[in-house]
Amino acid sequence: MALALLAPALLGAAPGGSGETISLAGNEPGQRLDVTLTQVVDPASPVADPTAEAEPDGPDRLLAVRFRLENTGTAVYRDSPAPAAHLLDTTGQRFTGLDVPTTAGPSFPGTVTLEPGGTAEGFVTFRLPEDAGAAAVQFALNTGLGDDVGQWSLP
């Protein structure tokens, strides 16, 4: 049902998964980003951290998505990319992005700050059931609460 509620707000659905840039506006004046999905790593392996608790054994896997963000607006972009991203599986279940480092590459920091014209790249990680089929990735400004929602279809 959540998918049906979001469908009217989706902008720029990009076929084929990656390489497509979608321009998104935030909820405040001057907030605008060009967001490009550049890579999908499925499955992604967690980074070994000897100080962290062991990963629980279970039927989950990690999937990492690399985004490129470019501030094309007139206001400073200051936001958390991980919770701004969501993954939809083939049944319509929605998973929120996490700040979990993987061997896919560097994650975004908890908060990204970009002056107008600035860019940043990083991975957002999703934890989903091992047998879930990944269908699409979404991104919105304002920690995922922006009215514009970009969506990229996954192969």
C-alpha atoms as a PDB file:
ATOM      1  CA  MET A   1       0.000   0.000   0.000  1.00  0.00           C
ATOM      2  CA  ALA A   2       2.886   2.394   0.719  1.00  0.00           C
ATOM      3  CA  LEU A   3       4.040   1.934  -2.869  1.00  0.00           C
ATOM      4  CA  ALA A   4       0.631   3.005  -4.171  1.00  0.00           C
ATOM      5  CA  LEU A   5       0.746   6.126  -1.997  1.00  0.00           C
ATOM      6  CA  LEU A   6       4.199   7.083  -3.257  1.00  0.00           C
ATOM      7  CA  ALA A   7       3.571   6.407  -6.932  1.00  0.00           C
ATOM      8  CA  PRO A   8       2.061   9.834  -7.774  1.00  0.00           C
ATOM      9  CA  ALA A   9       5.078  11.638  -6.300  1.00  0.00           C
ATOM     10  CA  LEU A  10       7.724   9.682  -8.225  1.00  0.00           C
ATOM     11  CA  LEU A  11       9.804  11.650 -10.686  1.00  0.00           C
ATOM     12  CA  GLY A  12      12.199  10.536 -13.358  1.00  0.00           C
ATOM     13  CA  ALA A  13      11.874   6.788 -13.030  1.00  0.00           C
ATOM     14  CA  ALA A  14      15.039   5.568 -14.719  1.00  0.00           C
ATOM     15  CA  PRO A  15      15.054   2.193 -16.485  1.00  0.00           C
ATOM     16  CA  GLY A  16      18.069  -0.065 -16.359  1.00  0.00           C
ATOM     17  CA  GLY A  17      19.216   0.774 -12.858  1.00  0.00           C
ATOM     18  CA  SER A  18      22.150   3.114 -13.055  1.00  0.00           C
ATOM     19  CA  GLY A  19      23.714   6.066 -14.783  1.00  0.00           C
ATOM     20  CA  GLU A  20      20.555   8.154 -14.907  1.00  0.00           C
ATOM     21  CA  THR A  21      20.561  11.568 -13.222  1.00  0.00           C
ATOM     22  CA  ILE A  22      17.365  12.857 -11.637  1.00  0.00           C
ATOM     23  CA  SER A  23      16.995  16.465 -10.488  1.00  0.00           C
ATOM     24  CA  LEU A  24      15.203  16.697  -7.129  1.00  0.00           C
ATOM     25  CA  ALA A  25      13.926  19.714  -5.210  1.00  0.00           C
ATOM     26  CA  GLY A  26      13.853  19.929  -1.437  1.00  0.00           C
ATOM     27  CA  ASN A  27      11.118  21.407   0.712  1.00  0.00           C
ATOM     28  CA  GLU A  28      12.995  24.687   1.344  1.00  0.00           C
ATOM     29  CA  PRO A  29      13.717  27.479  -1.174  1.00  0.00           C
ATOM     30  CA  GLY A  30      16.900  26.926  -3.165  1.00  0.00           C
ATOM     31  CA  GLN A  31      17.250  23.205  -2.326  1.00  0.00           C
ATOM     32  CA  ARG A  32      17.992  21.191  -5.468  1.00  0.00           C
ATOM     33  CA  LEU A  33      20.233  18.190  -6.134  1.00  0.00           C
ATOM     34  CA  ASP A  34      21.085  16.226  -9.229  1.00  0.00           C
ATOM     35  CA  VAL A  35      21.212  12.624  -7.975  1.00  0.00           C
ATOM     36  CA  THR A  36      22.818   9.854 -10.021  1.00  0.00           C
ATOM     37  CA  LEU A  37      22.746   6.166  -9.132  1.00  0.00           C
ATOM     38  CA  THR A  38      26.166   5.003 -10.352  1.00  0.00           C
ATOM     39  CA  GLN A  39      26.589   1.466  -9.001  1.00  0.00           C
ATOM     40  CA  VAL A  40      24.738  -1.394  -7.314  1.00  0.00           C
ATOM     41  CA  VAL A  41      26.636  -4.105  -5.403  1.00  0.00           C
ATOM     42  CA  ASP A  42      24.463  -7.124  -4.561  1.00  0.00           C
ATOM     43  CA  PRO A  43      25.401  -8.775  -2.347  1.00  0.00           C
ATOM     44  CA  ALA A  44      27.750  -6.461  -0.465  1.00  0.00           C
ATOM     45  CA  SER A  45      30.022  -7.741   2.282  1.00  0.00           C
ATOM     46  CA  PRO A  46      30.256  -5.946   5.630  1.00  0.00           C
ATOM     47  CA  VAL A  47      33.588  -4.379   6.513  1.00  0.00           C
ATOM     48  CA  ALA A  48      35.331  -6.467   9.147  1.00  0.00           C
ATOM     49  CA  ASP A  49      35.528  -4.461  12.374  1.00  0.00           C
ATOM     50  CA  PRO A  50      37.201  -6.270  15.282  1.00  0.00           C
ATOM     51  CA  THR A  51      35.594  -3.880  17.785  1.00  0.00           C
ATOM     52  CA  ALA A  52      32.046  -4.406  16.480  1.00  0.00           C
ATOM     53  CA  GLU A  53      29.685  -7.100  17.598  1.00  0.00           C
ATOM     54  CA  ALA A  54      29.538 -10.068  15.264  1.00  0.00           C
ATOM     55  CA  GLU A  55      26.997  -9.878  12.491  1.00  0.00           C
ATOM     56  CA  PRO A  56      23.991 -11.981  13.417  1.00  0.00           C
ATOM     57  CA  ASP A  57      23.583 -15.154  11.425  1.00  0.00           C
ATOM     58  CA  GLY A  58      20.329 -15.080   9.561  1.00  0.00           C
ATOM     59  CA  PRO A  59      18.570 -14.909   6.253  1.00  0.00           C
ATOM     60  CA  ASP A  60      19.572 -11.312   5.467  1.00  0.00           C
ATOM     61  CA  ARG A  61      21.936  -9.854   2.904  1.00  0.00           C
ATOM     62  CA  LEU A  62      23.420  -6.410   2.334  1.00  0.00           C
ATOM     63  CA  LEU A  63      22.976  -4.480  -0.887  1.00  0.00           C
ATOM     64  CA  ALA A  64      25.008  -1.293  -1.451  1.00  0.00           C
ATOM     65  CA  VAL A  65      24.063   1.533  -3.834  1.00  0.00           C
ATOM     66  CA  ARG A  66      26.469   4.268  -4.863  1.00  0.00           C
ATOM     67  CA  PHE A  67      25.036   7.739  -5.443  1.00  0.00           C
ATOM     68  CA  ARG A  68      26.597  10.894  -6.825  1.00  0.00           C
ATOM     69  CA  LEU A  69      25.061  14.086  -5.398  1.00  0.00           C
ATOM     70  CA  GLU A  70      25.523  17.494  -7.018  1.00  0.00           C
ATOM     71  CA  ASN A  71      24.097  20.617  -5.413  1.00  0.00           C
ATOM     72  CA  THR A  72      22.495  22.478  -8.327  1.00  0.00           C
ATOM     73  CA  GLY A  73      20.470  24.762  -6.071  1.00  0.00           C
ATOM     74  CA  THR A  74      21.202  28.097  -4.444  1.00  0.00           C
ATOM     75  CA  ALA A  75      21.069  26.881  -0.819  1.00  0.00           C
ATOM     76  CA  VAL A  76      23.595  24.793   1.099  1.00  0.00           C
ATOM     77  CA  TYR A  77      22.628  21.094   1.105  1.00  0.00           C
ATOM     78  CA  ARG A  78      23.000  19.595   4.593  1.00  0.00           C
ATOM     79  CA  ASP A  79      21.348  16.200   4.978  1.00  0.00           C
ATOM     80  CA  SER A  80      21.812  12.537   5.815  1.00  0.00           C
ATOM     81  CA  PRO A  81      21.858  10.480   2.603  1.00  0.00           C
ATOM     82  CA  ALA A  82      21.307   7.029   4.167  1.00  0.00           C
ATOM     83  CA  PRO A  83      17.783   7.625   5.547  1.00  0.00           C
ATOM     84  CA  ALA A  84      16.993   9.658   2.401  1.00  0.00           C
ATOM     85  CA  ALA A  85      17.302   6.462   0.333  1.00  0.00           C
ATOM     86  CA  HIS A  86      14.875   3.545   0.182  1.00  0.00           C
ATOM     87  CA  LEU A  87      14.913   0.207  -1.589  1.00  0.00           C
ATOM     88  CA  LEU A  88      11.723  -1.454  -2.808  1.00  0.00           C
ATOM     89  CA  ASP A  89      11.635  -5.199  -3.261  1.00  0.00           C
ATOM     90  CA  THR A  90       9.549  -7.030  -5.844  1.00  0.00           C
ATOM     91  CA  THR A  91       6.655  -7.370  -3.348  1.00  0.00           C
ATOM     92  CA  GLY A  92       6.605  -3.611  -2.605  1.00  0.00           C
ATOM     93  CA  GLN A  93       8.256  -3.875   0.824  1.00  0.00           C
ATOM     94  CA  ARG A  94      10.333  -0.764   1.575  1.00  0.00           C
ATOM     95  CA  PHE A  95      13.772  -0.773   3.258  1.00  0.00           C
ATOM     96  CA  THR A  96      15.442   2.390   4.587  1.00  0.00           C
ATOM     97  CA  GLY A  97      19.109   3.044   3.850  1.00  0.00           C
ATOM     98  CA  LEU A  98      21.686   2.435   6.574  1.00  0.00           C
ATOM     99  CA  ASP A  99      25.117   3.798   7.469  1.00  0.00           C
ATOM    100  CA  VAL A 100      26.701   0.323   7.369  1.00  0.00           C
ATOM    101  CA  PRO A 101      30.191   0.208   5.839  1.00  0.00           C
ATOM    102  CA  THR A 102      30.758  -2.493   3.222  1.00  0.00           C
ATOM    103  CA  THR A 103      33.639  -3.608   1.059  1.00  0.00           C
ATOM    104  CA  ALA A 104      31.763  -2.097  -1.940  1.00  0.00           C
ATOM    105  CA  GLY A 105      33.402   1.258  -1.210  1.00  0.00           C
ATOM    106  CA  PRO A 106      33.232   4.320   1.025  1.00  0.00           C
ATOM    107  CA  SER A 107      29.899   5.204   2.605  1.00  0.00           C
ATOM    108  CA  PHE A 108      28.607   8.733   2.900  1.00  0.00           C
ATOM    109  CA  PRO A 109      29.322  10.356   6.262  1.00  0.00           C
ATOM    110  CA  GLY A 110      26.317  10.652   8.607  1.00  0.00           C
ATOM    111  CA  THR A 111      25.747  14.197   7.354  1.00  0.00           C
ATOM    112  CA  VAL A 112      26.799  15.585   3.978  1.00  0.00           C
ATOM    113  CA  THR A 113      27.220  19.348   3.526  1.00  0.00           C
ATOM    114  CA  LEU A 114      27.497  20.702  -0.014  1.00  0.00           C
ATOM    115  CA  GLU A 115      27.799  24.329  -1.044  1.00  0.00           C
ATOM    116  CA  PRO A 116      26.046  25.209  -4.323  1.00  0.00           C
ATOM    117  CA  GLY A 117      28.011  23.499  -7.102  1.00  0.00           C
ATOM    118  CA  GLY A 118      29.550  20.962  -4.698  1.00  0.00           C
ATOM    119  CA  THR A 119      29.490  17.200  -5.247  1.00  0.00           C
ATOM    120  CA  ALA A 120      29.823  14.075  -3.121  1.00  0.00           C
ATOM    121  CA  GLU A 121      29.790  10.336  -3.832  1.00  0.00           C
ATOM    122  CA  GLY A 122      29.243   7.428  -1.509  1.00  0.00           C
ATOM    123  CA  PHE A 123      27.429   4.202  -0.820  1.00  0.00           C
ATOM    124  CA  VAL A 124      24.156   3.692   1.054  1.00  0.00           C
ATOM    125  CA  THR A 125      23.577   0.160   2.356  1.00  0.00           C
ATOM    126  CA  PHE A 126      20.326  -1.768   2.670  1.00  0.00           C
ATOM    127  CA  ARG A 127      19.663  -4.886   4.736  1.00  0.00           C
ATOM    128  CA  LEU A 128      17.016  -7.101   3.179  1.00  0.00           C
ATOM    129  CA  PRO A 129      15.992 -10.755   3.308  1.00  0.00           C
ATOM    130  CA  GLU A 130      18.281 -13.105   1.392  1.00  0.00           C
ATOM    131  CA  ASP A 131      15.453 -14.157  -0.928  1.00  0.00           C
ATOM    132  CA  ALA A 132      14.057 -10.637  -1.578  1.00  0.00           C
ATOM    133  CA  GLY A 133      14.211  -9.416  -5.148  1.00  0.00           C
ATOM    134  CA  ALA A 134      15.450  -5.821  -5.397  1.00  0.00           C
ATOM    135  CA  ALA A 135      13.147  -3.861  -7.728  1.00  0.00           C
ATOM    136  CA  ALA A 136      13.924  -0.154  -7.318  1.00  0.00           C
ATOM    137  CA  VAL A 137      15.843   2.446  -5.316  1.00  0.00           C
ATOM    138  CA  GLN A 138      14.364   5.791  -4.296  1.00  0.00           C
ATOM    139  CA  PHE A 139      15.972   9.011  -3.038  1.00  0.00           C
ATOM    140  CA  ALA A 140      14.424  12.226  -1.676  1.00  0.00           C
ATOM    141  CA  LEU A 141      15.899  15.299   0.004  1.00  0.00           C
ATOM    142  CA  ASN A 142      15.051  16.350   3.557  1.00  0.00           C
ATOM    143  CA  THR A 143      16.108  12.979   5.018  1.00  0.00           C
ATOM    144  CA  GLY A 144      13.749  11.214   2.643  1.00  0.00           C
ATOM    145  CA  LEU A 145      10.761  13.448   3.403  1.00  0.00           C
ATOM    146  CA  GLY A 146      11.039  15.733   0.365  1.00  0.00           C
ATOM    147  CA  ASP A 147       8.062  15.959  -1.977  1.00  0.00           C
ATOM    148  CA  ASP A 148      10.182  15.023  -5.026  1.00  0.00           C
ATOM    149  CA  VAL A 149      11.158  11.352  -5.047  1.00  0.00           C
ATOM    150  CA  GLY A 150      13.560   9.985  -7.640  1.00  0.00           C
ATOM    151  CA  GLN A 151      13.332   6.306  -8.513  1.00  0.00           C
ATOM    152  CA  TRP A 152      15.716   4.015 -10.388  1.00  0.00           C
ATOM    153  CA  SER A 153      14.586   0.580 -11.534  1.00  0.00           C
ATOM    154  CA  LEU A 154      16.987  -2.240 -10.774  1.00  0.00           C
ATOM    155  CA  PRO A 155      17.644  -4.992 -13.313  1.00  0.00           C
END
